[in-house]
Amino acid sequence: MEAGTIRKTTASSALRHPLAIEILVVANEKAISPSRFVEEFLRPRPLGFEEVKRALSNVAYHFRALQGAGCLEVIEQIPRRGTVEHVYVGTARAYFSDEEWAELPQGERCRMSKTMLQGLIARAENAMQAHTFDARDNRWLAWTVAKLDEQGWAEMTETLAANFAELERIREESEVRLAEGEGEVIPATFGMLGFQSPPTNA
């Protein structure tokens, strides 16, 4: 598979940790090595030689696991003082079918959902601070509260899944055109939510 090619990947042991999802998100945007990930993205930041060493070992493990699962690809190997720094790019995006998600323990679901939601919120905040969030007249932001029955819930989730699939098609075709030198890159983020809310007294 060529570097930069994006495909969906189903859930595997490589994706059952929030840190692995964070790594994959970053690697889908830029070439990254385990050491650079620790320096630039790992939070909380490790302090001291031993803590950095342990963090790097843990991060490198997830990089290798993602590579083994076909989610990452090495594009460069840089000699560094008797060792080699491996630089990776993402070749897949984290994706869980309903069946795979249902098999995950509640605790794992919560940890992964928290990681994904924090990432989305951080991107929105960065865009607002950079004054790009509202730069385009046709930017989209909407949410609503609803009371649904089981049929309505099923129809909502099916609609969200279909819309997300269509957005993925748009993204993939855009990346092909851009790779061929057509048009200007417009950095964009899209996200969709549909979840059960806590009960109210009303």
N, C-alpha and C. Protein backbone atom coordinates (compact mmCIF):
# COMPACT_ATOMS: atom_id res chain seq x y z
N MET A 1 0.84 -1.19 0.00
CA MET A 1 0.00 0.00 0.00
C MET A 1 0.88 1.25 0.00
N GLU A 2 0.57 2.18 -0.85
CA GLU A 2 1.38 3.39 -0.96
C GLU A 2 1.13 4.32 0.22
N ALA A 3 2.16 5.08 0.59
CA ALA A 3 2.02 6.03 1.69
C ALA A 3 0.93 7.03 1.36
N GLY A 4 0.10 7.32 2.33
CA GLY A 4 -0.96 8.30 2.13
C GLY A 4 -2.27 7.68 1.71
N THR A 5 -2.25 6.41 1.29
CA THR A 5 -3.49 5.75 0.93
C THR A 5 -4.31 5.53 2.19
N ILE A 6 -5.59 5.84 2.14
CA ILE A 6 -6.44 5.72 3.30
C ILE A 6 -7.48 4.63 3.05
N ARG A 7 -7.62 3.73 4.01
CA ARG A 7 -8.69 2.75 3.94
C ARG A 7 -9.27 2.63 5.34
N LYS A 8 -10.47 2.07 5.43
CA LYS A 8 -11.05 1.82 6.73
C LYS A 8 -10.44 0.57 7.32
N THR A 9 -10.35 0.54 8.62
CA THR A 9 -9.89 -0.67 9.28
C THR A 9 -10.86 -0.99 10.40
N THR A 10 -11.17 -2.24 10.55
CA THR A 10 -12.07 -2.62 11.62
C THR A 10 -11.30 -2.71 12.92
N ALA A 11 -12.04 -2.82 14.00
CA ALA A 11 -11.43 -2.82 15.32
C ALA A 11 -10.52 -4.03 15.48
N SER A 12 -9.42 -3.84 16.16
CA SER A 12 -8.50 -4.93 16.49
C SER A 12 -7.86 -4.58 17.81
N SER A 13 -7.03 -5.47 18.31
CA SER A 13 -6.35 -5.20 19.58
C SER A 13 -5.49 -3.95 19.48
N ALA A 14 -5.03 -3.61 18.27
CA ALA A 14 -4.19 -2.43 18.09
C ALA A 14 -4.96 -1.15 18.34
N LEU A 15 -6.27 -1.17 18.23
CA LEU A 15 -7.08 0.04 18.37
C LEU A 15 -7.87 0.08 19.66
N ARG A 16 -7.61 -0.86 20.56
CA ARG A 16 -8.41 -0.92 21.78
C ARG A 16 -7.77 -0.15 22.92
N HIS A 17 -7.00 0.87 22.59
CA HIS A 17 -6.40 1.73 23.61
C HIS A 17 -6.49 3.17 23.12
N PRO A 18 -6.94 4.10 23.98
CA PRO A 18 -7.07 5.50 23.56
C PRO A 18 -5.79 6.08 22.96
N LEU A 19 -4.63 5.68 23.49
CA LEU A 19 -3.37 6.22 22.97
C LEU A 19 -3.16 5.80 21.53
N ALA A 20 -3.54 4.58 21.19
CA ALA A 20 -3.41 4.12 19.80
C ALA A 20 -4.27 4.95 18.86
N ILE A 21 -5.46 5.32 19.31
CA ILE A 21 -6.33 6.16 18.49
C ILE A 21 -5.72 7.54 18.31
N GLU A 22 -5.15 8.10 19.39
CA GLU A 22 -4.48 9.40 19.29
C GLU A 22 -3.34 9.34 18.28
N ILE A 23 -2.54 8.29 18.34
CA ILE A 23 -1.41 8.13 17.42
C ILE A 23 -1.91 8.06 15.99
N LEU A 24 -2.96 7.29 15.75
CA LEU A 24 -3.48 7.13 14.40
C LEU A 24 -4.03 8.44 13.85
N VAL A 25 -4.70 9.21 14.70
CA VAL A 25 -5.23 10.52 14.27
C VAL A 25 -4.08 11.42 13.81
N VAL A 26 -3.02 11.49 14.61
CA VAL A 26 -1.88 12.34 14.26
C VAL A 26 -1.20 11.85 12.99
N ALA A 27 -0.98 10.53 12.90
CA ALA A 27 -0.27 9.96 11.74
C ALA A 27 -1.06 10.10 10.45
N ASN A 28 -2.37 10.26 10.54
CA ASN A 28 -3.17 10.49 9.34
C ASN A 28 -3.05 11.93 8.85
N GLU A 29 -2.49 12.81 9.69
CA GLU A 29 -2.33 14.21 9.30
C GLU A 29 -0.90 14.55 8.93
N LYS A 30 0.07 13.86 9.52
CA LYS A 30 1.47 14.22 9.29
C LYS A 30 2.36 13.02 9.55
N ALA A 31 3.53 13.01 8.94
CA ALA A 31 4.52 11.99 9.23
C ALA A 31 5.02 12.19 10.66
N ILE A 32 5.12 11.11 11.42
CA ILE A 32 5.45 11.23 12.83
C ILE A 32 6.22 9.99 13.30
N SER A 33 7.14 10.21 14.21
CA SER A 33 7.88 9.10 14.82
C SER A 33 7.46 8.99 16.28
N PRO A 34 7.71 7.86 16.93
CA PRO A 34 7.37 7.74 18.35
C PRO A 34 8.00 8.83 19.21
N SER A 35 9.26 9.15 18.98
CA SER A 35 9.92 10.16 19.80
C SER A 35 9.30 11.54 19.59
N ARG A 36 8.96 11.88 18.37
CA ARG A 36 8.32 13.18 18.11
C ARG A 36 6.92 13.21 18.70
N PHE A 37 6.23 12.08 18.68
CA PHE A 37 4.90 12.03 19.28
C PHE A 37 4.99 12.30 20.77
N VAL A 38 5.96 11.69 21.44
CA VAL A 38 6.14 11.92 22.87
C VAL A 38 6.43 13.38 23.14
N GLU A 39 7.29 13.99 22.32
CA GLU A 39 7.68 15.38 22.52
C GLU A 39 6.55 16.36 22.24
N GLU A 40 5.76 16.09 21.21
CA GLU A 40 4.79 17.08 20.74
C GLU A 40 3.35 16.84 21.19
N PHE A 41 2.98 15.58 21.41
CA PHE A 41 1.56 15.29 21.59
C PHE A 41 1.19 14.57 22.88
N LEU A 42 2.12 13.87 23.49
CA LEU A 42 1.77 13.07 24.66
C LEU A 42 1.45 13.97 25.85
N ARG A 43 0.28 13.75 26.46
CA ARG A 43 -0.14 14.50 27.64
C ARG A 43 -0.65 13.52 28.70
N PRO A 44 -0.25 13.72 29.96
CA PRO A 44 0.70 14.73 30.44
C PRO A 44 2.11 14.44 29.96
N ARG A 45 2.90 15.48 29.79
CA ARG A 45 4.25 15.31 29.28
C ARG A 45 5.13 14.62 30.31
N PRO A 46 5.86 13.61 29.89
CA PRO A 46 6.76 12.92 30.84
C PRO A 46 7.93 13.82 31.22
N LEU A 47 8.36 13.70 32.48
CA LEU A 47 9.47 14.51 32.98
C LEU A 47 10.57 13.59 33.49
N GLY A 48 11.80 13.95 33.21
CA GLY A 48 12.92 13.14 33.68
C GLY A 48 13.24 12.02 32.71
N PHE A 49 14.49 11.59 32.75
CA PHE A 49 14.98 10.61 31.78
C PHE A 49 14.21 9.30 31.84
N GLU A 50 14.02 8.76 33.04
CA GLU A 50 13.36 7.47 33.19
C GLU A 50 11.90 7.53 32.75
N GLU A 51 11.22 8.61 33.10
CA GLU A 51 9.81 8.74 32.71
C GLU A 51 9.67 8.88 31.20
N VAL A 52 10.57 9.66 30.58
CA VAL A 52 10.56 9.79 29.12
C VAL A 52 10.85 8.45 28.46
N LYS A 53 11.80 7.71 29.03
CA LYS A 53 12.17 6.41 28.48
C LYS A 53 10.98 5.44 28.52
N ARG A 54 10.26 5.42 29.65
CA ARG A 54 9.09 4.54 29.76
C ARG A 54 7.99 4.96 28.80
N ALA A 55 7.77 6.28 28.69
CA ALA A 55 6.74 6.79 27.78
C ALA A 55 7.07 6.44 26.34
N LEU A 56 8.33 6.59 25.96
CA LEU A 56 8.74 6.29 24.60
C LEU A 56 8.57 4.81 24.29
N SER A 57 8.89 3.96 25.26
CA SER A 57 8.74 2.52 25.07
C SER A 57 7.27 2.16 24.85
N ASN A 58 6.38 2.77 25.64
CA ASN A 58 4.95 2.51 25.53
C ASN A 58 4.40 3.01 24.20
N VAL A 59 4.79 4.22 23.81
CA VAL A 59 4.33 4.80 22.54
C VAL A 59 4.85 3.98 21.36
N ALA A 60 6.12 3.59 21.41
CA ALA A 60 6.71 2.79 20.32
C ALA A 60 5.98 1.47 20.18
N TYR A 61 5.56 0.89 21.30
CA TYR A 61 4.80 -0.37 21.24
C TYR A 61 3.52 -0.19 20.43
N HIS A 62 2.79 0.90 20.70
CA HIS A 62 1.53 1.14 19.97
C HIS A 62 1.80 1.45 18.50
N PHE A 63 2.88 2.15 18.20
CA PHE A 63 3.24 2.38 16.80
C PHE A 63 3.44 1.06 16.08
N ARG A 64 4.20 0.14 16.71
CA ARG A 64 4.47 -1.15 16.07
C ARG A 64 3.19 -1.98 15.92
N ALA A 65 2.33 -1.92 16.95
CA ALA A 65 1.08 -2.66 16.88
C ALA A 65 0.19 -2.13 15.76
N LEU A 66 0.14 -0.81 15.61
CA LEU A 66 -0.64 -0.21 14.54
C LEU A 66 -0.06 -0.55 13.17
N GLN A 67 1.25 -0.59 13.09
CA GLN A 67 1.89 -0.99 11.83
C GLN A 67 1.53 -2.43 11.51
N GLY A 68 1.60 -3.31 12.51
CA GLY A 68 1.27 -4.71 12.30
C GLY A 68 -0.17 -4.93 11.89
N ALA A 69 -1.06 -4.02 12.33
CA ALA A 69 -2.48 -4.12 11.98
C ALA A 69 -2.79 -3.47 10.64
N GLY A 70 -1.76 -2.91 9.98
CA GLY A 70 -1.97 -2.28 8.69
C GLY A 70 -2.46 -0.86 8.76
N CYS A 71 -2.34 -0.23 9.95
CA CYS A 71 -2.83 1.13 10.13
C CYS A 71 -1.75 2.18 9.90
N LEU A 72 -0.48 1.80 10.05
CA LEU A 72 0.65 2.70 9.86
C LEU A 72 1.65 2.07 8.91
N GLU A 73 2.45 2.95 8.29
CA GLU A 73 3.49 2.50 7.36
C GLU A 73 4.74 3.34 7.59
N VAL A 74 5.90 2.68 7.63
CA VAL A 74 7.17 3.39 7.77
C VAL A 74 7.55 4.00 6.43
N ILE A 75 7.82 5.31 6.42
CA ILE A 75 8.21 5.97 5.17
C ILE A 75 9.65 6.46 5.20
N GLU A 76 10.25 6.45 6.40
CA GLU A 76 11.63 6.94 6.50
C GLU A 76 12.28 6.34 7.74
N GLN A 77 13.58 6.06 7.63
CA GLN A 77 14.36 5.59 8.76
C GLN A 77 15.59 6.49 8.90
N ILE A 78 15.68 7.19 10.03
CA ILE A 78 16.72 8.19 10.23
C ILE A 78 17.70 7.71 11.30
N PRO A 79 18.99 7.55 10.96
CA PRO A 79 19.98 7.15 11.98
C PRO A 79 20.11 8.21 13.07
N ARG A 80 20.05 7.79 14.34
CA ARG A 80 20.15 8.70 15.48
C ARG A 80 21.06 8.10 16.54
N ARG A 81 22.33 8.47 16.57
CA ARG A 81 23.25 8.09 17.63
C ARG A 81 23.19 6.60 17.97
N GLY A 82 23.45 5.79 17.01
CA GLY A 82 23.48 4.35 17.24
C GLY A 82 22.14 3.66 17.18
N THR A 83 21.06 4.41 16.97
CA THR A 83 19.74 3.82 16.81
C THR A 83 19.10 4.38 15.54
N VAL A 84 17.87 3.95 15.25
CA VAL A 84 17.18 4.40 14.04
C VAL A 84 15.81 4.93 14.44
N GLU A 85 15.52 6.16 14.01
CA GLU A 85 14.20 6.75 14.23
C GLU A 85 13.29 6.39 13.07
N HIS A 86 12.22 5.66 13.35
CA HIS A 86 11.26 5.26 12.32
C HIS A 86 10.16 6.32 12.21
N VAL A 87 9.94 6.80 11.00
CA VAL A 87 8.91 7.81 10.75
C VAL A 87 7.74 7.13 10.04
N TYR A 88 6.54 7.35 10.57
CA TYR A 88 5.35 6.66 10.08
C TYR A 88 4.34 7.64 9.49
N VAL A 89 3.47 7.10 8.62
CA VAL A 89 2.26 7.81 8.19
C VAL A 89 1.09 6.85 8.34
N GLY A 90 -0.09 7.43 8.53
CA GLY A 90 -1.28 6.61 8.65
C GLY A 90 -1.73 6.07 7.30
N THR A 91 -2.19 4.83 7.28
CA THR A 91 -2.72 4.22 6.07
C THR A 91 -4.15 3.74 6.29
N ALA A 92 -4.73 4.08 7.43
CA ALA A 92 -6.09 3.65 7.76
C ALA A 92 -6.67 4.61 8.78
N ARG A 93 -7.96 4.51 8.98
CA ARG A 93 -8.64 5.30 9.99
C ARG A 93 -9.37 4.38 10.94
N ALA A 94 -9.39 4.76 12.20
CA ALA A 94 -10.06 3.92 13.20
C ALA A 94 -11.54 3.81 12.86
N TYR A 95 -12.02 2.59 12.85
CA TYR A 95 -13.43 2.36 12.50
C TYR A 95 -13.92 1.14 13.26
N PHE A 96 -15.06 1.26 13.89
CA PHE A 96 -15.67 0.16 14.61
C PHE A 96 -17.08 -0.08 14.06
N SER A 97 -17.36 -1.30 13.67
CA SER A 97 -18.73 -1.64 13.29
C SER A 97 -19.57 -1.70 14.56
N ASP A 98 -20.91 -1.71 14.40
CA ASP A 98 -21.78 -1.81 15.57
C ASP A 98 -21.49 -3.09 16.35
N GLU A 99 -21.22 -4.17 15.61
CA GLU A 99 -20.97 -5.46 16.26
C GLU A 99 -19.68 -5.42 17.07
N GLU A 100 -18.63 -4.83 16.51
CA GLU A 100 -17.35 -4.75 17.20
C GLU A 100 -17.44 -3.83 18.42
N TRP A 101 -18.15 -2.72 18.27
CA TRP A 101 -18.30 -1.79 19.39
C TRP A 101 -19.08 -2.45 20.53
N ALA A 102 -20.08 -3.25 20.17
CA ALA A 102 -20.90 -3.91 21.19
C ALA A 102 -20.09 -4.91 22.01
N GLU A 103 -19.02 -5.45 21.42
CA GLU A 103 -18.19 -6.43 22.12
C GLU A 103 -17.23 -5.79 23.12
N LEU A 104 -17.01 -4.48 23.03
CA LEU A 104 -16.07 -3.82 23.92
C LEU A 104 -16.69 -3.60 25.30
N PRO A 105 -15.92 -3.78 26.36
CA PRO A 105 -16.42 -3.47 27.71
C PRO A 105 -16.78 -2.00 27.83
N GLN A 106 -17.71 -1.68 28.72
CA GLN A 106 -18.18 -0.32 28.89
C GLN A 106 -17.03 0.63 29.21
N GLY A 107 -16.08 0.18 30.04
CA GLY A 107 -14.96 1.04 30.40
C GLY A 107 -14.12 1.43 29.21
N GLU A 108 -13.86 0.47 28.32
CA GLU A 108 -13.07 0.77 27.11
C GLU A 108 -13.82 1.72 26.20
N ARG A 109 -15.12 1.53 26.07
CA ARG A 109 -15.92 2.44 25.24
C ARG A 109 -15.81 3.87 25.77
N CYS A 110 -15.95 4.01 27.09
CA CYS A 110 -15.90 5.35 27.69
C CYS A 110 -14.55 6.01 27.46
N ARG A 111 -13.47 5.25 27.62
CA ARG A 111 -12.14 5.82 27.44
C ARG A 111 -11.92 6.26 25.99
N MET A 112 -12.35 5.42 25.05
CA MET A 112 -12.16 5.77 23.64
C MET A 112 -13.06 6.93 23.23
N SER A 113 -14.30 6.94 23.72
CA SER A 113 -15.20 8.05 23.40
C SER A 113 -14.65 9.36 23.94
N LYS A 114 -14.10 9.33 25.16
CA LYS A 114 -13.53 10.53 25.75
C LYS A 114 -12.37 11.05 24.92
N THR A 115 -11.50 10.14 24.48
CA THR A 115 -10.35 10.53 23.65
C THR A 115 -10.80 11.16 22.34
N MET A 116 -11.78 10.53 21.69
CA MET A 116 -12.25 11.02 20.40
C MET A 116 -12.94 12.38 20.55
N LEU A 117 -13.77 12.53 21.61
CA LEU A 117 -14.49 13.78 21.80
C LEU A 117 -13.54 14.91 22.17
N GLN A 118 -12.55 14.63 23.01
CA GLN A 118 -11.57 15.65 23.37
C GLN A 118 -10.80 16.12 22.13
N GLY A 119 -10.48 15.18 21.25
CA GLY A 119 -9.79 15.55 20.02
C GLY A 119 -10.63 16.46 19.14
N LEU A 120 -11.92 16.16 19.01
CA LEU A 120 -12.81 16.98 18.20
C LEU A 120 -12.96 18.37 18.79
N ILE A 121 -13.16 18.45 20.11
CA ILE A 121 -13.31 19.75 20.76
C ILE A 121 -12.04 20.58 20.62
N ALA A 122 -10.88 19.93 20.78
CA ALA A 122 -9.61 20.64 20.65
C ALA A 122 -9.45 21.22 19.25
N ARG A 123 -9.87 20.47 18.24
CA ARG A 123 -9.75 20.98 16.86
C ARG A 123 -10.67 22.17 16.65
N ALA A 124 -11.87 22.10 17.21
CA ALA A 124 -12.80 23.22 17.07
C ALA A 124 -12.26 24.46 17.79
N GLU A 125 -11.72 24.27 18.99
CA GLU A 125 -11.16 25.41 19.73
C GLU A 125 -9.97 26.02 19.00
N ASN A 126 -9.11 25.17 18.44
CA ASN A 126 -7.96 25.69 17.68
C ASN A 126 -8.42 26.50 16.48
N ALA A 127 -9.47 26.01 15.81
CA ALA A 127 -9.98 26.74 14.64
C ALA A 127 -10.57 28.08 15.04
N MET A 128 -11.24 28.13 16.18
CA MET A 128 -11.79 29.40 16.65
C MET A 128 -10.69 30.38 17.02
N GLN A 129 -9.66 29.88 17.69
CA GLN A 129 -8.55 30.75 18.07
C GLN A 129 -7.80 31.27 16.85
N ALA A 130 -7.75 30.46 15.80
CA ALA A 130 -7.07 30.86 14.56
C ALA A 130 -7.99 31.64 13.63
N HIS A 131 -9.25 31.84 14.05
CA HIS A 131 -10.25 32.59 13.27
C HIS A 131 -10.54 31.93 11.93
N THR A 132 -10.42 30.60 11.85
CA THR A 132 -10.79 29.90 10.63
C THR A 132 -12.16 29.22 10.76
N PHE A 133 -12.63 29.04 12.00
CA PHE A 133 -13.90 28.33 12.22
C PHE A 133 -15.04 28.99 11.45
N ASP A 134 -15.10 30.32 11.50
CA ASP A 134 -16.18 31.06 10.84
C ASP A 134 -15.70 31.80 9.59
N ALA A 135 -14.58 31.36 9.04
CA ALA A 135 -14.03 32.06 7.88
C ALA A 135 -14.89 31.87 6.63
N ARG A 136 -15.61 30.77 6.55
CA ARG A 136 -16.43 30.49 5.37
C ARG A 136 -17.91 30.70 5.70
N ASP A 137 -18.62 31.34 4.77
CA ASP A 137 -20.03 31.63 4.99
C ASP A 137 -20.87 30.37 5.15
N ASN A 138 -20.45 29.28 4.52
CA ASN A 138 -21.26 28.06 4.55
C ASN A 138 -20.72 27.00 5.51
N ARG A 139 -20.01 27.44 6.56
CA ARG A 139 -19.58 26.49 7.58
C ARG A 139 -20.82 25.92 8.27
N TRP A 140 -20.70 24.73 8.87
CA TRP A 140 -21.87 24.04 9.40
C TRP A 140 -21.68 23.74 10.88
N LEU A 141 -22.67 24.13 11.69
CA LEU A 141 -22.68 23.82 13.11
C LEU A 141 -24.13 23.71 13.56
N ALA A 142 -24.52 22.55 14.04
CA ALA A 142 -25.90 22.36 14.48
C ALA A 142 -25.97 21.20 15.47
N TRP A 143 -26.91 21.33 16.41
CA TRP A 143 -27.22 20.21 17.29
C TRP A 143 -28.63 20.39 17.81
N THR A 144 -29.24 19.32 18.25
CA THR A 144 -30.61 19.40 18.72
C THR A 144 -30.86 18.37 19.81
N VAL A 145 -31.89 18.58 20.57
CA VAL A 145 -32.34 17.65 21.60
C VAL A 145 -33.63 17.01 21.12
N ALA A 146 -33.78 15.70 21.32
CA ALA A 146 -34.96 15.02 20.83
C ALA A 146 -35.41 13.95 21.81
N LYS A 147 -36.69 13.60 21.75
CA LYS A 147 -37.23 12.45 22.46
C LYS A 147 -37.56 11.40 21.42
N LEU A 148 -36.85 10.26 21.46
CA LEU A 148 -36.99 9.23 20.44
C LEU A 148 -37.50 7.93 21.05
N ASP A 149 -38.25 7.17 20.25
CA ASP A 149 -38.55 5.79 20.62
C ASP A 149 -37.51 4.89 19.99
N GLU A 150 -37.61 3.58 20.16
CA GLU A 150 -36.60 2.67 19.64
C GLU A 150 -36.49 2.76 18.12
N GLN A 151 -37.62 2.90 17.44
CA GLN A 151 -37.58 3.03 15.98
C GLN A 151 -36.89 4.32 15.58
N GLY A 152 -37.21 5.40 16.28
CA GLY A 152 -36.57 6.67 15.97
C GLY A 152 -35.07 6.63 16.23
N TRP A 153 -34.65 5.97 17.33
CA TRP A 153 -33.22 5.83 17.62
C TRP A 153 -32.51 5.08 16.50
N ALA A 154 -33.13 3.97 16.06
CA ALA A 154 -32.52 3.17 14.99
C ALA A 154 -32.42 3.98 13.70
N GLU A 155 -33.46 4.73 13.37
CA GLU A 155 -33.44 5.54 12.15
C GLU A 155 -32.39 6.65 12.25
N MET A 156 -32.25 7.23 13.45
CA MET A 156 -31.24 8.29 13.63
C MET A 156 -29.84 7.74 13.39
N THR A 157 -29.51 6.61 14.03
CA THR A 157 -28.16 6.06 13.90
C THR A 157 -27.88 5.60 12.48
N GLU A 158 -28.88 5.04 11.81
CA GLU A 158 -28.71 4.63 10.41
C GLU A 158 -28.45 5.84 9.52
N THR A 159 -29.16 6.93 9.77
CA THR A 159 -28.97 8.16 8.98
C THR A 159 -27.58 8.74 9.21
N LEU A 160 -27.13 8.76 10.48
CA LEU A 160 -25.79 9.26 10.77
C LEU A 160 -24.73 8.41 10.08
N ALA A 161 -24.90 7.10 10.12
CA ALA A 161 -23.93 6.20 9.48
C ALA A 161 -23.88 6.44 7.98
N ALA A 162 -25.04 6.60 7.35
CA ALA A 162 -25.08 6.83 5.90
C ALA A 162 -24.44 8.17 5.54
N ASN A 163 -24.73 9.21 6.34
CA ASN A 163 -24.14 10.52 6.07
C ASN A 163 -22.63 10.49 6.25
N PHE A 164 -22.18 9.79 7.29
CA PHE A 164 -20.74 9.73 7.52
C PHE A 164 -20.05 8.98 6.37
N ALA A 165 -20.66 7.92 5.88
CA ALA A 165 -20.10 7.18 4.75
C ALA A 165 -19.99 8.06 3.52
N GLU A 166 -20.99 8.90 3.30
CA GLU A 166 -20.95 9.82 2.16
C GLU A 166 -19.85 10.86 2.34
N LEU A 167 -19.67 11.36 3.56
CA LEU A 167 -18.60 12.32 3.83
C LEU A 167 -17.23 11.68 3.64
N GLU A 168 -17.09 10.41 4.02
CA GLU A 168 -15.83 9.71 3.79
C GLU A 168 -15.54 9.58 2.30
N ARG A 169 -16.59 9.32 1.50
CA ARG A 169 -16.40 9.25 0.04
C ARG A 169 -15.92 10.59 -0.49
N ILE A 170 -16.51 11.67 -0.02
CA ILE A 170 -16.11 13.01 -0.45
C ILE A 170 -14.65 13.27 -0.09
N ARG A 171 -14.27 12.89 1.15
CA ARG A 171 -12.88 13.10 1.58
C ARG A 171 -11.91 12.31 0.72
N GLU A 172 -12.21 11.03 0.49
CA GLU A 172 -11.31 10.19 -0.28
C GLU A 172 -11.14 10.70 -1.71
N GLU A 173 -12.24 11.11 -2.35
CA GLU A 173 -12.15 11.60 -3.72
C GLU A 173 -11.41 12.94 -3.77
N SER A 174 -11.59 13.78 -2.76
CA SER A 174 -10.85 15.04 -2.69
C SER A 174 -9.36 14.79 -2.59
N GLU A 175 -8.97 13.82 -1.75
CA GLU A 175 -7.55 13.53 -1.57
C GLU A 175 -6.92 13.00 -2.85
N VAL A 176 -7.68 12.25 -3.62
CA VAL A 176 -7.17 11.77 -4.91
C VAL A 176 -6.93 12.94 -5.85
N ARG A 177 -7.91 13.87 -5.93
CA ARG A 177 -7.75 15.03 -6.82
C ARG A 177 -6.59 15.90 -6.38
N LEU A 178 -6.46 16.11 -5.07
CA LEU A 178 -5.35 16.93 -4.56
C LEU A 178 -4.01 16.27 -4.84
N ALA A 179 -3.94 14.96 -4.72
CA ALA A 179 -2.69 14.24 -4.99
C ALA A 179 -2.29 14.37 -6.45
N GLU A 180 -3.28 14.59 -7.31
CA GLU A 180 -3.01 14.77 -8.74
C GLU A 180 -2.73 16.23 -9.08
N GLY A 181 -2.67 17.10 -8.07
CA GLY A 181 -2.33 18.50 -8.29
C GLY A 181 -3.50 19.38 -8.64
N GLU A 182 -4.72 18.89 -8.41
CA GLU A 182 -5.90 19.68 -8.74
C GLU A 182 -6.35 20.49 -7.53
N GLY A 183 -6.49 21.80 -7.71
CA GLY A 183 -7.07 22.65 -6.69
C GLY A 183 -6.17 22.93 -5.50
N GLU A 184 -6.72 23.68 -4.55
CA GLU A 184 -6.01 24.12 -3.36
C GLU A 184 -6.52 23.35 -2.14
N VAL A 185 -5.62 23.01 -1.24
CA VAL A 185 -6.00 22.26 -0.04
C VAL A 185 -6.79 23.17 0.90
N ILE A 186 -7.96 22.71 1.34
CA ILE A 186 -8.75 23.39 2.35
C ILE A 186 -8.76 22.47 3.58
N PRO A 187 -7.96 22.77 4.60
CA PRO A 187 -7.98 21.94 5.81
C PRO A 187 -9.38 21.97 6.42
N ALA A 188 -9.94 20.81 6.70
CA ALA A 188 -11.32 20.75 7.19
C ALA A 188 -11.46 19.66 8.24
N THR A 189 -12.43 19.84 9.10
CA THR A 189 -12.79 18.84 10.11
C THR A 189 -14.30 18.68 10.08
N PHE A 190 -14.76 17.44 10.08
CA PHE A 190 -16.19 17.21 10.25
C PHE A 190 -16.39 16.13 11.29
N GLY A 191 -17.44 16.27 12.08
CA GLY A 191 -17.74 15.30 13.12
C GLY A 191 -19.24 15.18 13.27
N MET A 192 -19.68 14.03 13.75
CA MET A 192 -21.12 13.79 13.93
C MET A 192 -21.33 13.10 15.27
N LEU A 193 -22.38 13.50 15.97
CA LEU A 193 -22.68 12.93 17.28
C LEU A 193 -24.12 12.45 17.31
N GLY A 194 -24.34 11.39 18.00
CA GLY A 194 -25.69 10.90 18.26
C GLY A 194 -25.60 10.01 19.49
N PHE A 195 -26.16 10.44 20.62
CA PHE A 195 -25.96 9.70 21.86
C PHE A 195 -27.18 9.83 22.77
N GLN A 196 -27.29 8.89 23.69
CA GLN A 196 -28.37 8.92 24.67
C GLN A 196 -28.05 9.94 25.74
N SER A 197 -28.96 10.86 26.01
CA SER A 197 -28.75 11.89 27.02
C SER A 197 -29.21 11.40 28.39
N PRO A 198 -28.71 12.00 29.47
CA PRO A 198 -29.21 11.65 30.80
C PRO A 198 -30.69 11.99 30.90
N PRO A 199 -31.43 11.29 31.75
CA PRO A 199 -32.86 11.62 31.91
C PRO A 199 -33.05 12.98 32.55
N THR A 200 -34.16 13.63 32.20
CA THR A 200 -34.50 14.92 32.79
C THR A 200 -35.75 14.77 33.64
N ASN A 201 -36.03 15.78 34.44
CA ASN A 201 -37.22 15.74 35.29
C ASN A 201 -38.48 16.15 34.54
N ALA A 202 -38.25 16.72 33.33
CA ALA A 202 -39.40 17.21 32.58
C ALA A 202 -40.20 16.04 32.01
